[in-house]
């Protein structure tokens, strides 16, 4: 099987419960909620995505002809000086369109803890160590359990009450980016204060200038 990857890079996780932890990000191409083309945004199921996931031309990106080849490319991004606490974040787009058991096994063999960031519309293969779900208001969230639920806020039709009874260890509100980010941050903070089940997740990598 071939795997199509936009980019692979080493950075700090900027969001959620793992925020601040060094990780290799493996961004798969493609999404089932938006084509990634601006001309299709207005008609997309998810219209607020701020991620470039089209093509394989990003840093470290490419078409990988096997799970072993992809895992090797991920491992090459990790510092040679430290062979512990290794984490890879499989993201997209929607990574579960491509991420399979073979890739997960190959990444484990390279010593990585495997995390996934998904929109919750696909059931993941077994073996993933950390599941982060970011549901979208206009798409059915069928993945109803995991490690963290990270809800972009506010979303009309995707209010936190819609997800608060799902089986997750952490519940985060993440202010929607864009021109209203400061206002959305205040709204999210106030909601968390009134509803302590929810925690605030800030995109710290953007604040400090990391990818």
Protein backbone atom coordinates (compact mmCIF):
# COMPACT_ATOMS: atom_id res chain seq x y z
CA UNK A 1 0.00 0.00 0.00
CA UNK A 2 1.16 3.54 -0.74
CA UNK A 3 0.87 6.35 1.79
CA UNK A 4 0.49 9.96 0.72
CA UNK A 5 1.96 12.43 3.20
CA UNK A 6 1.94 16.21 3.02
CA UNK A 7 4.76 16.77 5.52
CA UNK A 8 6.78 15.21 8.34
CA UNK A 9 8.44 17.51 10.84
CA UNK A 10 9.70 17.69 14.42
CA UNK A 11 8.18 20.25 16.79
CA UNK A 12 6.38 20.65 20.12
CA UNK A 13 2.80 19.51 20.47
CA UNK A 14 0.89 22.76 20.88
CA UNK A 15 -2.56 21.59 21.89
CA UNK A 16 -4.42 19.52 24.44
CA UNK A 17 -3.14 17.32 27.23
CA UNK A 18 0.20 16.64 25.52
CA UNK A 19 0.93 20.34 24.97
CA UNK A 20 4.64 21.13 25.21
CA UNK A 21 5.82 17.59 24.48
CA UNK A 22 8.34 17.10 21.64
CA UNK A 23 6.86 15.06 18.81
CA UNK A 24 7.21 14.22 15.15
CA UNK A 25 4.13 15.25 13.19
CA UNK A 26 3.14 13.13 10.20
CA UNK A 27 0.49 14.96 8.21
CA UNK A 28 -1.39 12.71 5.80
CA UNK A 29 -3.01 14.17 2.71
CA UNK A 30 -6.75 14.15 2.14
CA UNK A 31 -9.86 14.73 4.22
CA UNK A 32 -13.44 13.49 4.03
CA UNK A 33 -14.92 16.81 5.20
CA UNK A 34 -13.20 19.22 2.79
CA UNK A 35 -11.21 18.86 -0.42
CA UNK A 36 -8.60 21.35 0.81
CA UNK A 37 -9.26 23.63 -2.14
CA UNK A 38 -10.39 27.16 -1.36
CA UNK A 39 -13.01 27.10 -4.10
CA UNK A 40 -14.74 24.25 -2.25
CA UNK A 41 -14.62 25.73 1.26
CA UNK A 42 -18.07 27.34 1.20
CA UNK A 43 -19.74 24.02 0.37
CA UNK A 44 -17.56 21.86 2.63
CA UNK A 45 -18.83 20.00 5.69
CA UNK A 46 -16.00 21.63 7.68
CA UNK A 47 -15.43 25.22 6.56
CA UNK A 48 -12.98 26.56 9.16
CA UNK A 49 -9.95 24.29 8.68
CA UNK A 50 -6.68 26.23 8.81
CA UNK A 51 -4.40 23.37 7.71
CA UNK A 52 -2.76 22.79 4.33
CA UNK A 53 -3.05 19.07 3.58
CA UNK A 54 -3.22 18.97 -0.22
CA UNK A 55 -0.33 17.38 -2.12
CA UNK A 56 2.90 15.76 -0.97
CA UNK A 57 5.21 18.74 -1.41
CA UNK A 58 5.71 19.80 2.21
CA UNK A 59 8.91 19.33 4.24
CA UNK A 60 9.54 15.61 4.54
CA UNK A 61 6.43 14.81 2.52
CA UNK A 62 6.12 12.35 -0.30
CA UNK A 63 4.59 9.11 -1.49
CA UNK A 64 5.79 6.22 0.68
CA UNK A 65 5.60 2.77 -0.83
CA UNK A 66 5.45 0.81 2.41
CA UNK A 67 4.72 1.17 6.10
CA UNK A 68 8.41 0.51 6.85
CA UNK A 69 9.49 3.31 4.51
CA UNK A 70 7.08 5.76 6.15
CA UNK A 71 8.11 4.76 9.67
CA UNK A 72 11.75 5.20 8.71
CA UNK A 73 11.06 8.72 7.46
CA UNK A 74 9.35 9.55 10.75
CA UNK A 75 12.21 8.09 12.78
CA UNK A 76 14.73 10.16 10.82
CA UNK A 77 13.15 13.33 12.20
CA UNK A 78 13.69 12.37 15.85
CA UNK A 79 16.93 13.67 17.49
CA UNK A 80 19.63 11.01 17.42
CA UNK A 81 20.82 12.12 20.84
CA UNK A 82 17.67 10.93 22.64
CA UNK A 83 16.13 7.52 22.07
CA UNK A 84 13.32 7.71 24.62
CA UNK A 85 9.91 9.34 25.10
CA UNK A 86 9.40 9.24 21.34
CA UNK A 87 6.01 10.33 20.08
CA UNK A 88 4.55 10.68 16.60
CA UNK A 89 1.31 12.56 15.98
CA UNK A 90 -0.55 11.30 12.92
CA UNK A 91 -2.69 14.12 11.65
CA UNK A 92 -4.15 15.56 8.47
CA UNK A 93 -6.52 16.26 6.86
CA UNK A 94 -8.06 13.08 8.19
CA UNK A 95 -5.30 10.56 9.00
CA UNK A 96 -7.65 7.61 9.45
CA UNK A 97 -8.24 7.58 5.70
CA UNK A 98 -4.73 6.10 5.42
CA UNK A 99 -3.33 5.16 8.83
CA UNK A 100 -3.51 1.39 9.22
CA UNK A 101 -2.22 -1.41 11.45
CA UNK A 102 0.91 -1.86 9.34
CA UNK A 103 2.00 1.75 9.87
CA UNK A 104 1.16 1.64 13.57
CA UNK A 105 3.20 -1.56 14.01
CA UNK A 106 6.14 -0.12 12.07
CA UNK A 107 6.10 3.07 14.17
CA UNK A 108 5.99 1.00 17.36
CA UNK A 109 8.97 -0.98 16.12
CA UNK A 110 10.83 2.34 15.78
CA UNK A 111 10.04 3.03 19.45
CA UNK A 112 7.29 5.61 18.98
CA UNK A 113 4.16 6.19 20.97
CA UNK A 114 1.52 6.67 18.28
CA UNK A 115 -1.02 9.47 18.65
CA UNK A 116 -3.74 10.39 16.19
CA UNK A 117 -5.73 13.58 15.70
CA UNK A 118 -9.01 12.75 13.96
CA UNK A 119 -12.38 14.30 13.24
CA UNK A 120 -14.11 11.27 14.73
CA UNK A 121 -15.91 10.11 11.56
CA UNK A 122 -13.79 6.95 11.16
CA UNK A 123 -13.14 4.04 13.52
CA UNK A 124 -9.37 3.74 14.10
CA UNK A 125 -7.37 0.56 13.66
CA UNK A 126 -6.15 -1.13 16.84
CA UNK A 127 -2.86 -0.23 18.47
CA UNK A 128 -3.05 3.56 18.65
CA UNK A 129 -1.72 4.82 21.98
CA UNK A 130 -3.42 8.24 22.16
CA UNK A 131 -6.65 9.23 20.42
CA UNK A 132 -7.59 12.89 20.12
CA UNK A 133 -10.96 13.62 18.53
CA UNK A 134 -11.95 17.03 17.19
CA UNK A 135 -15.61 16.68 16.18
CA UNK A 136 -17.24 18.91 13.59
CA UNK A 137 -20.80 20.18 13.97
CA UNK A 138 -22.01 19.04 10.55
CA UNK A 139 -20.47 15.56 10.65
CA UNK A 140 -21.54 12.58 12.73
CA UNK A 141 -18.99 11.74 15.42
CA UNK A 142 -18.96 7.94 15.48
CA UNK A 143 -15.75 7.69 17.50
CA UNK A 144 -17.30 8.21 20.91
CA UNK A 145 -14.43 7.22 23.19
CA UNK A 146 -10.76 8.11 23.44
CA UNK A 147 -8.16 10.02 25.41
CA UNK A 148 -9.19 13.59 24.65
CA UNK A 149 -12.02 15.39 22.92
CA UNK A 150 -10.85 18.73 21.54
CA UNK A 151 -13.77 20.86 20.37
CA UNK A 152 -13.13 23.95 18.26
CA UNK A 153 -15.31 26.65 19.82
CA UNK A 154 -17.73 28.19 19.06
CA UNK A 155 -19.42 26.04 16.43
CA UNK A 156 -23.11 26.62 15.68
CA UNK A 157 -24.74 23.23 16.01
CA UNK A 158 -21.67 21.84 17.76
CA UNK A 159 -22.23 23.07 21.28
CA UNK A 160 -20.25 21.38 24.09
CA UNK A 161 -23.41 19.84 25.54
CA UNK A 162 -23.63 17.67 22.43
CA UNK A 163 -20.40 15.87 23.42
CA UNK A 164 -20.13 16.10 27.20
CA UNK A 165 -21.47 12.58 27.84
CA UNK A 166 -18.99 10.83 25.54
CA UNK A 167 -16.30 8.56 26.99
CA UNK A 168 -13.13 10.68 27.00
CA UNK A 169 -10.58 11.31 29.74
CA UNK A 170 -10.12 14.99 28.83
CA UNK A 171 -12.51 17.56 27.39
CA UNK A 172 -10.96 20.66 25.79
CA UNK A 173 -12.40 23.78 24.19
CA UNK A 174 -10.08 25.24 21.58
CA UNK A 175 -10.89 28.78 20.42
CA UNK A 176 -11.59 28.97 16.72
CA UNK A 177 -8.73 30.68 14.90
CA UNK A 178 -9.17 33.60 12.54
CA UNK A 179 -10.16 37.24 12.84
CA UNK A 180 -12.26 36.57 15.96
CA UNK A 181 -9.66 34.48 17.79
CA UNK A 182 -9.33 36.83 20.77
CA UNK A 183 -13.09 37.02 21.22
CA UNK A 184 -13.43 33.27 20.80
CA UNK A 185 -10.70 32.72 23.40
CA UNK A 186 -12.62 34.79 25.92
CA UNK A 187 -15.85 32.95 25.13
CA UNK A 188 -14.12 29.58 25.54
CA UNK A 189 -12.47 30.66 28.80
CA UNK A 190 -15.77 31.82 30.25
CA UNK A 191 -17.47 28.59 29.23
CA UNK A 192 -14.77 26.52 30.94
CA UNK A 193 -15.12 28.57 34.12
CA UNK A 194 -18.85 27.90 34.18
CA UNK A 195 -18.53 24.25 33.14
CA UNK A 196 -15.38 22.77 34.81
CA UNK A 197 -15.66 19.50 32.89
CA UNK A 198 -14.06 21.49 30.07
CA UNK A 199 -10.48 22.79 29.94
CA UNK A 200 -9.07 25.50 27.72
CA UNK A 201 -6.68 24.45 24.95
CA UNK A 202 -4.64 27.22 23.34
CA UNK A 203 -2.65 26.65 20.13
CA UNK A 204 0.63 27.49 21.83
CA UNK A 205 2.75 26.51 18.82
CA UNK A 206 1.24 29.41 16.90
CA UNK A 207 1.89 31.81 19.76
CA UNK A 208 5.61 30.96 19.85
CA UNK A 209 6.10 30.64 16.10
CA UNK A 210 6.48 26.87 15.70
CA UNK A 211 4.89 24.85 12.88
